[in-house]
Amino acid sequence: MIKVLNVHHAGPWKLELEFSDHTHGLFDAAAYLANHQGPLLEALREAAYFDRVFIDAGALCWPNGLEISPARLRELVTVGVET
């Protein structure tokens, strides 16, 4: 099972992710938020709250309980392979 190992801010609403299979990718949360709605996502529209991202059990999480699974993130990111 793939997991997110590291997350780094790469600009406004952008996160650089490192996965357990040695790939990395850029998650453009602005594009994701433009196409998705929901009560847990609303808080992420504020930059200060979005920046509170953390990893729990290999998934991206925020303090309000929102979790984006590693499998879903792999579908959403532009992926590259580390050398």
PDB file of N, CA and C in Angstrom:
ATOM      1  N   MET A   1       0.842  -1.178   0.000  1.00  0.00           N
ATOM      2  CA  MET A   1       0.000   0.000   0.000  1.00  0.00           C
ATOM      3  C   MET A   1       0.893   1.248   0.000  1.00  0.00           C
ATOM      4  N   ILE A   2       0.608   2.150  -0.891  1.00  0.00           N
ATOM      5  CA  ILE A   2       1.388   3.383  -1.010  1.00  0.00           C
ATOM      6  C   ILE A   2       1.013   4.360   0.106  1.00  0.00           C
ATOM      7  N   LYS A   3       2.003   5.148   0.540  1.00  0.00           N
ATOM      8  CA  LYS A   3       1.792   6.162   1.581  1.00  0.00           C
ATOM      9  C   LYS A   3       2.491   7.447   1.179  1.00  0.00           C
ATOM     10  N   VAL A   4       2.008   8.549   1.719  1.00  0.00           N
ATOM     11  CA  VAL A   4       2.707   9.824   1.600  1.00  0.00           C
ATOM     12  C   VAL A   4       3.720   9.860   2.738  1.00  0.00           C
ATOM     13  N   LEU A   5       4.987  10.087   2.392  1.00  0.00           N
ATOM     14  CA  LEU A   5       6.048  10.128   3.398  1.00  0.00           C
ATOM     15  C   LEU A   5       6.400  11.543   3.829  1.00  0.00           C
ATOM     16  N   ASN A   6       6.389  12.478   2.865  1.00  0.00           N
ATOM     17  CA  ASN A   6       6.766  13.864   3.153  1.00  0.00           C
ATOM     18  C   ASN A   6       5.886  14.814   2.361  1.00  0.00           C
ATOM     19  N   VAL A   7       5.658  15.971   2.953  1.00  0.00           N
ATOM     20  CA  VAL A   7       4.916  17.030   2.285  1.00  0.00           C
ATOM     21  C   VAL A   7       5.650  18.345   2.513  1.00  0.00           C
ATOM     22  N   HIS A   8       5.776  19.132   1.441  1.00  0.00           N
ATOM     23  CA  HIS A   8       6.426  20.437   1.511  1.00  0.00           C
ATOM     24  C   HIS A   8       5.586  21.433   0.719  1.00  0.00           C
ATOM     25  N   HIS A   9       5.464  22.637   1.237  1.00  0.00           N
ATOM     26  CA  HIS A   9       4.748  23.685   0.521  1.00  0.00           C
ATOM     27  C   HIS A   9       5.554  24.090  -0.709  1.00  0.00           C
ATOM     28  N   ALA A  10       4.857  24.195  -1.843  1.00  0.00           N
ATOM     29  CA  ALA A  10       5.521  24.532  -3.105  1.00  0.00           C
ATOM     30  C   ALA A  10       4.903  25.765  -3.741  1.00  0.00           C
ATOM     31  N   GLY A  11       4.229  26.570  -2.948  1.00  0.00           N
ATOM     32  CA  GLY A  11       3.551  27.760  -3.446  1.00  0.00           C
ATOM     33  C   GLY A  11       2.138  27.789  -2.907  1.00  0.00           C
ATOM     34  N   PRO A  12       1.405  28.850  -3.208  1.00  0.00           N
ATOM     35  CA  PRO A  12       0.027  28.948  -2.727  1.00  0.00           C
ATOM     36  C   PRO A  12      -0.815  27.763  -3.211  1.00  0.00           C
ATOM     37  N   TRP A  13      -1.360  27.045  -2.286  1.00  0.00           N
ATOM     38  CA  TRP A  13      -2.233  25.895  -2.534  1.00  0.00           C
ATOM     39  C   TRP A  13      -1.556  24.808  -3.369  1.00  0.00           C
ATOM     40  N   LYS A  14      -0.238  24.699  -3.258  1.00  0.00           N
ATOM     41  CA  LYS A  14       0.506  23.645  -3.953  1.00  0.00           C
ATOM     42  C   LYS A  14       1.378  22.915  -2.942  1.00  0.00           C
ATOM     43  N   LEU A  15       1.376  21.590  -3.052  1.00  0.00           N
ATOM     44  CA  LEU A  15       2.155  20.763  -2.153  1.00  0.00           C
ATOM     45  C   LEU A  15       3.013  19.788  -2.946  1.00  0.00           C
ATOM     46  N   GLU A  16       4.270  19.708  -2.588  1.00  0.00           N
ATOM     47  CA  GLU A  16       5.170  18.714  -3.154  1.00  0.00           C
ATOM     48  C   GLU A  16       5.088  17.495  -2.237  1.00  0.00           C
ATOM     49  N   LEU A  17       4.755  16.341  -2.824  1.00  0.00           N
ATOM     50  CA  LEU A  17       4.561  15.119  -2.053  1.00  0.00           C
ATOM     51  C   LEU A  17       5.613  14.081  -2.419  1.00  0.00           C
ATOM     52  N   GLU A  18       6.063  13.344  -1.418  1.00  0.00           N
ATOM     53  CA  GLU A  18       6.948  12.201  -1.641  1.00  0.00           C
ATOM     54  C   GLU A  18       6.190  10.955  -1.190  1.00  0.00           C
ATOM     55  N   PHE A  19       6.122   9.960  -2.081  1.00  0.00           N
ATOM     56  CA  PHE A  19       5.399   8.731  -1.804  1.00  0.00           C
ATOM     57  C   PHE A  19       6.352   7.599  -1.430  1.00  0.00           C
ATOM     58  N   SER A  20       5.818   6.574  -0.809  1.00  0.00           N
ATOM     59  CA  SER A  20       6.627   5.446  -0.348  1.00  0.00           C
ATOM     60  C   SER A  20       7.197   4.597  -1.476  1.00  0.00           C
ATOM     61  N   ASP A  21       6.716   4.776  -2.700  1.00  0.00           N
ATOM     62  CA  ASP A  21       7.265   4.020  -3.832  1.00  0.00           C
ATOM     63  C   ASP A  21       8.371   4.803  -4.553  1.00  0.00           C
ATOM     64  N   HIS A  22       8.920   5.816  -3.876  1.00  0.00           N
ATOM     65  CA  HIS A  22      10.036   6.633  -4.375  1.00  0.00           C
ATOM     66  C   HIS A  22       9.636   7.578  -5.501  1.00  0.00           C
ATOM     67  N   THR A  23       8.356   7.832  -5.658  1.00  0.00           N
ATOM     68  CA  THR A  23       7.917   8.844  -6.610  1.00  0.00           C
ATOM     69  C   THR A  23       7.605  10.110  -5.831  1.00  0.00           C
ATOM     70  N   HIS A  24       7.526  11.202  -6.543  1.00  0.00           N
ATOM     71  CA  HIS A  24       7.140  12.471  -5.942  1.00  0.00           C
ATOM     72  C   HIS A  24       6.198  13.159  -6.917  1.00  0.00           C
ATOM     73  N   GLY A  25       5.415  14.074  -6.401  1.00  0.00           N
ATOM     74  CA  GLY A  25       4.474  14.754  -7.270  1.00  0.00           C
ATOM     75  C   GLY A  25       4.012  16.070  -6.699  1.00  0.00           C
ATOM     76  N   LEU A  26       3.428  16.879  -7.557  1.00  0.00           N
ATOM     77  CA  LEU A  26       2.913  18.182  -7.175  1.00  0.00           C
ATOM     78  C   LEU A  26       1.389  18.127  -7.129  1.00  0.00           C
ATOM     79  N   PHE A  27       0.830  18.405  -5.954  1.00  0.00           N
ATOM     80  CA  PHE A  27      -0.617  18.441  -5.771  1.00  0.00           C
ATOM     81  C   PHE A  27      -1.064  19.898  -5.847  1.00  0.00           C
ATOM     82  N   ASP A  28      -1.858  20.214  -6.862  1.00  0.00           N
ATOM     83  CA  ASP A  28      -2.395  21.561  -7.049  1.00  0.00           C
ATOM     84  C   ASP A  28      -3.767  21.610  -6.391  1.00  0.00           C
ATOM     85  N   ALA A  29      -3.790  22.010  -5.134  1.00  0.00           N
ATOM     86  CA  ALA A  29      -5.029  22.032  -4.376  1.00  0.00           C
ATOM     87  C   ALA A  29      -5.998  23.094  -4.883  1.00  0.00           C
ATOM     88  N   ALA A  30      -5.495  24.162  -5.496  1.00  0.00           N
ATOM     89  CA  ALA A  30      -6.387  25.196  -6.043  1.00  0.00           C
ATOM     90  C   ALA A  30      -7.271  24.587  -7.125  1.00  0.00           C
ATOM     91  N   ALA A  31      -6.693  23.776  -7.993  1.00  0.00           N
ATOM     92  CA  ALA A  31      -7.474  23.112  -9.040  1.00  0.00           C
ATOM     93  C   ALA A  31      -8.461  22.122  -8.421  1.00  0.00           C
ATOM     94  N   TYR A  32      -8.020  21.401  -7.408  1.00  0.00           N
ATOM     95  CA  TYR A  32      -8.892  20.437  -6.725  1.00  0.00           C
ATOM     96  C   TYR A  32     -10.070  21.156  -6.079  1.00  0.00           C
ATOM     97  N   LEU A  33      -9.788  22.249  -5.369  1.00  0.00           N
ATOM     98  CA  LEU A  33     -10.854  22.988  -4.684  1.00  0.00           C
ATOM     99  C   LEU A  33     -11.810  23.659  -5.666  1.00  0.00           C
ATOM    100  N   ALA A  34     -11.332  23.999  -6.855  1.00  0.00           N
ATOM    101  CA  ALA A  34     -12.198  24.612  -7.869  1.00  0.00           C
ATOM    102  C   ALA A  34     -13.244  23.636  -8.378  1.00  0.00           C
ATOM    103  N   ASN A  35     -12.948  22.334  -8.279  1.00  0.00           N
ATOM    104  CA  ASN A  35     -13.850  21.310  -8.808  1.00  0.00           C
ATOM    105  C   ASN A  35     -14.545  20.473  -7.747  1.00  0.00           C
ATOM    106  N   HIS A  36     -14.277  20.739  -6.481  1.00  0.00           N
ATOM    107  CA  HIS A  36     -14.867  19.952  -5.398  1.00  0.00           C
ATOM    108  C   HIS A  36     -15.418  20.884  -4.323  1.00  0.00           C
ATOM    109  N   GLN A  37     -16.506  20.453  -3.722  1.00  0.00           N
ATOM    110  CA  GLN A  37     -17.118  21.221  -2.649  1.00  0.00           C
ATOM    111  C   GLN A  37     -17.438  20.296  -1.495  1.00  0.00           C
ATOM    112  N   GLY A  38     -17.650  20.885  -0.348  1.00  0.00           N
ATOM    113  CA  GLY A  38     -18.034  20.133   0.833  1.00  0.00           C
ATOM    114  C   GLY A  38     -17.645  20.895   2.069  1.00  0.00           C
ATOM    115  N   PRO A  39     -18.299  20.594   3.181  1.00  0.00           N
ATOM    116  CA  PRO A  39     -18.041  21.353   4.408  1.00  0.00           C
ATOM    117  C   PRO A  39     -16.599  21.262   4.900  1.00  0.00           C
ATOM    118  N   LEU A  40     -15.953  20.117   4.745  1.00  0.00           N
ATOM    119  CA  LEU A  40     -14.567  20.001   5.204  1.00  0.00           C
ATOM    120  C   LEU A  40     -13.599  20.731   4.281  1.00  0.00           C
ATOM    121  N   LEU A  41     -13.945  20.843   3.016  1.00  0.00           N
ATOM    122  CA  LEU A  41     -13.068  21.525   2.059  1.00  0.00           C
ATOM    123  C   LEU A  41     -13.106  23.042   2.196  1.00  0.00           C
ATOM    124  N   GLU A  42     -14.181  23.590   2.711  1.00  0.00           N
ATOM    125  CA  GLU A  42     -14.321  25.048   2.808  1.00  0.00           C
ATOM    126  C   GLU A  42     -13.182  25.683   3.599  1.00  0.00           C
ATOM    127  N   ALA A  43     -12.752  25.046   4.672  1.00  0.00           N
ATOM    128  CA  ALA A  43     -11.671  25.608   5.493  1.00  0.00           C
ATOM    129  C   ALA A  43     -10.368  25.727   4.706  1.00  0.00           C
ATOM    130  N   LEU A  44     -10.154  24.824   3.748  1.00  0.00           N
ATOM    131  CA  LEU A  44      -8.907  24.823   2.978  1.00  0.00           C
ATOM    132  C   LEU A  44      -8.811  26.012   2.025  1.00  0.00           C
ATOM    133  N   ARG A  45      -9.890  26.703   1.802  1.00  0.00           N
ATOM    134  CA  ARG A  45      -9.874  27.862   0.916  1.00  0.00           C
ATOM    135  C   ARG A  45      -9.161  29.059   1.566  1.00  0.00           C
ATOM    136  N   GLU A  46      -8.911  28.979   2.865  1.00  0.00           N
ATOM    137  CA  GLU A  46      -8.131  29.989   3.579  1.00  0.00           C
ATOM    138  C   GLU A  46      -6.683  29.507   3.631  1.00  0.00           C
ATOM    139  N   ALA A  47      -5.769  30.318   3.132  1.00  0.00           N
ATOM    140  CA  ALA A  47      -4.359  29.915   3.023  1.00  0.00           C
ATOM    141  C   ALA A  47      -3.764  29.488   4.360  1.00  0.00           C
ATOM    142  N   ALA A  48      -4.054  30.220   5.415  1.00  0.00           N
ATOM    143  CA  ALA A  48      -3.470  29.887   6.720  1.00  0.00           C
ATOM    144  C   ALA A  48      -3.936  28.519   7.195  1.00  0.00           C
ATOM    145  N   TYR A  49      -5.175  28.181   6.914  1.00  0.00           N
ATOM    146  CA  TYR A  49      -5.677  26.863   7.316  1.00  0.00           C
ATOM    147  C   TYR A  49      -5.098  25.781   6.413  1.00  0.00           C
ATOM    148  N   PHE A  50      -5.042  26.019   5.119  1.00  0.00           N
ATOM    149  CA  PHE A  50      -4.478  25.050   4.187  1.00  0.00           C
ATOM    150  C   PHE A  50      -3.050  24.681   4.597  1.00  0.00           C
ATOM    151  N   ASP A  51      -2.302  25.663   5.053  1.00  0.00           N
ATOM    152  CA  ASP A  51      -0.903  25.453   5.439  1.00  0.00           C
ATOM    153  C   ASP A  51      -0.747  24.576   6.682  1.00  0.00           C
ATOM    154  N   ARG A  52      -1.834  24.229   7.342  1.00  0.00           N
ATOM    155  CA  ARG A  52      -1.777  23.379   8.530  1.00  0.00           C
ATOM    156  C   ARG A  52      -1.789  21.891   8.181  1.00  0.00           C
ATOM    157  N   VAL A  53      -1.550  21.571   6.936  1.00  0.00           N
ATOM    158  CA  VAL A  53      -1.530  20.184   6.464  1.00  0.00           C
ATOM    159  C   VAL A  53      -0.502  19.355   7.244  1.00  0.00           C
ATOM    160  N   PHE A  54      -0.833  18.088   7.457  1.00  0.00           N
ATOM    161  CA  PHE A  54       0.099  17.152   8.084  1.00  0.00           C
ATOM    162  C   PHE A  54      -0.178  15.759   7.541  1.00  0.00           C
ATOM    163  N   ILE A  55       0.719  14.840   7.813  1.00  0.00           N
ATOM    164  CA  ILE A  55       0.575  13.454   7.366  1.00  0.00           C
ATOM    165  C   ILE A  55       0.188  12.597   8.560  1.00  0.00           C
ATOM    166  N   ASP A  56      -0.825  11.751   8.356  1.00  0.00           N
ATOM    167  CA  ASP A  56      -1.227  10.795   9.380  1.00  0.00           C
ATOM    168  C   ASP A  56      -1.519   9.473   8.684  1.00  0.00           C
ATOM    169  N   ALA A  57      -0.835   8.434   9.096  1.00  0.00           N
ATOM    170  CA  ALA A  57      -1.018   7.088   8.523  1.00  0.00           C
ATOM    171  C   ALA A  57      -0.865   7.093   7.006  1.00  0.00           C
ATOM    172  N   GLY A  58       0.017   7.944   6.495  1.00  0.00           N
ATOM    173  CA  GLY A  58       0.311   7.971   5.073  1.00  0.00           C
ATOM    174  C   GLY A  58      -0.616   8.805   4.224  1.00  0.00           C
ATOM    175  N   ALA A  59      -1.560   9.508   4.838  1.00  0.00           N
ATOM    176  CA  ALA A  59      -2.519  10.344   4.109  1.00  0.00           C
ATOM    177  C   ALA A  59      -2.301  11.807   4.469  1.00  0.00           C
ATOM    178  N   LEU A  60      -2.708  12.713   3.558  1.00  0.00           N
ATOM    179  CA  LEU A  60      -2.694  14.146   3.878  1.00  0.00           C
ATOM    180  C   LEU A  60      -3.906  14.446   4.738  1.00  0.00           C
ATOM    181  N   CYS A  61      -3.694  15.220   5.795  1.00  0.00           N
ATOM    182  CA  CYS A  61      -4.772  15.527   6.729  1.00  0.00           C
ATOM    183  C   CYS A  61      -4.730  16.988   7.145  1.00  0.00           C
ATOM    184  N   TRP A  62      -5.879  17.448   7.639  1.00  0.00           N
ATOM    185  CA  TRP A  62      -6.009  18.780   8.215  1.00  0.00           C
ATOM    186  C   TRP A  62      -6.733  18.647   9.540  1.00  0.00           C
ATOM    187  N   PRO A  63      -6.601  19.637  10.422  1.00  0.00           N
ATOM    188  CA  PRO A  63      -7.173  19.534  11.765  1.00  0.00           C
ATOM    189  C   PRO A  63      -8.687  19.327  11.823  1.00  0.00           C
ATOM    190  N   ASN A  64      -9.427  19.675  10.784  1.00  0.00           N
ATOM    191  CA  ASN A  64     -10.879  19.515  10.810  1.00  0.00           C
ATOM    192  C   ASN A  64     -11.329  18.090  10.503  1.00  0.00           C
ATOM    193  N   GLY A  65     -10.377  17.173  10.287  1.00  0.00           N
ATOM    194  CA  GLY A  65     -10.718  15.783  10.013  1.00  0.00           C
ATOM    195  C   GLY A  65     -10.657  15.407   8.542  1.00  0.00           C
ATOM    196  N   LEU A  66     -10.416  16.375   7.671  1.00  0.00           N
ATOM    197  CA  LEU A  66     -10.300  16.072   6.252  1.00  0.00           C
ATOM    198  C   LEU A  66      -9.053  15.233   6.018  1.00  0.00           C
ATOM    199  N   GLU A  67      -9.216  14.181   5.229  1.00  0.00           N
ATOM    200  CA  GLU A  67      -8.115  13.290   4.875  1.00  0.00           C
ATOM    201  C   GLU A  67      -8.220  12.971   3.393  1.00  0.00           C
ATOM    202  N   ILE A  68      -7.105  13.079   2.686  1.00  0.00           N
ATOM    203  CA  ILE A  68      -7.053  12.682   1.278  1.00  0.00           C
ATOM    204  C   ILE A  68      -6.101  11.497   1.203  1.00  0.00           C
ATOM    205  N   SER A  69      -6.615  10.377   0.733  1.00  0.00           N
ATOM    206  CA  SER A  69      -5.841   9.139   0.728  1.00  0.00           C
ATOM    207  C   SER A  69      -4.677   9.215  -0.254  1.00  0.00           C
ATOM    208  N   PRO A  70      -3.632   8.451   0.012  1.00  0.00           N
ATOM    209  CA  PRO A  70      -2.496   8.426  -0.899  1.00  0.00           C
ATOM    210  C   PRO A  70      -2.881   7.936  -2.295  1.00  0.00           C
ATOM    211  N   ALA A  71      -3.767   6.969  -2.369  1.00  0.00           N
ATOM    212  CA  ALA A  71      -4.192   6.458  -3.685  1.00  0.00           C
ATOM    213  C   ALA A  71      -4.883   7.555  -4.487  1.00  0.00           C
ATOM    214  N   ARG A  72      -5.739   8.317  -3.838  1.00  0.00           N
ATOM    215  CA  ARG A  72      -6.425   9.420  -4.523  1.00  0.00           C
ATOM    216  C   ARG A  72      -5.428  10.493  -4.929  1.00  0.00           C
ATOM    217  N   LEU A  73      -4.482  10.792  -4.068  1.00  0.00           N
ATOM    218  CA  LEU A  73      -3.467  11.800  -4.388  1.00  0.00           C
ATOM    219  C   LEU A  73      -2.651  11.394  -5.604  1.00  0.00           C
ATOM    220  N   ARG A  74      -2.323  10.117  -5.714  1.00  0.00           N
ATOM    221  CA  ARG A  74      -1.558   9.658  -6.881  1.00  0.00           C
ATOM    222  C   ARG A  74      -2.330   9.902  -8.178  1.00  0.00           C
ATOM    223  N   GLU A  75      -3.660   9.849  -8.114  1.00  0.00           N
ATOM    224  CA  GLU A  75      -4.481  10.142  -9.282  1.00  0.00           C
ATOM    225  C   GLU A  75      -4.472  11.630  -9.604  1.00  0.00           C
ATOM    226  N   LEU A  76      -4.267  12.469  -8.609  1.00  0.00           N
ATOM    227  CA  LEU A  76      -4.395  13.914  -8.750  1.00  0.00           C
ATOM    228  C   LEU A  76      -3.095  14.643  -9.052  1.00  0.00           C
ATOM    229  N   VAL A  77      -1.967  14.049  -8.695  1.00  0.00           N
ATOM    230  CA  VAL A  77      -0.697  14.767  -8.817  1.00  0.00           C
ATOM    231  C   VAL A  77      -0.017  14.517 -10.158  1.00  0.00           C
ATOM    232  N   THR A  78       0.864  15.442 -10.492  1.00  0.00           N
ATOM    233  CA  THR A  78       1.807  15.253 -11.595  1.00  0.00           C
ATOM    234  C   THR A  78       2.978  14.515 -10.963  1.00  0.00           C
ATOM    235  N   VAL A  79       3.222  13.271 -11.383  1.00  0.00           N
ATOM    236  CA  VAL A  79       4.178  12.398 -10.728  1.00  0.00           C
ATOM    237  C   VAL A  79       5.495  12.326 -11.489  1.00  0.00           C
ATOM    238  N   GLY A  80       6.575  12.309 -10.730  1.00  0.00           N
ATOM    239  CA  GLY A  80       7.908  12.080 -11.261  1.00  0.00           C
ATOM    240  C   GLY A  80       8.580  11.000 -10.441  1.00  0.00           C
ATOM    241  N   VAL A  81       9.624  10.416 -10.965  1.00  0.00           N
ATOM    242  CA  VAL A  81      10.354   9.377 -10.258  1.00  0.00           C
ATOM    243  C   VAL A  81      11.679   9.952  -9.798  1.00  0.00           C
ATOM    244  N   GLU A  82      12.015   9.728  -8.519  1.00  0.00           N
ATOM    245  CA  GLU A  82      13.289  10.201  -8.002  1.00  0.00           C
ATOM    246  C   GLU A  82      14.403   9.281  -8.470  1.00  0.00           C
ATOM    247  N   THR A  83      15.551   9.849  -8.691  1.00  0.00           N
ATOM    248  CA  THR A  83      16.695   9.052  -9.128  1.00  0.00           C
ATOM    249  C   THR A  83      17.597   8.727  -7.966  1.00  0.00           C
TER     250      THR A  83
END
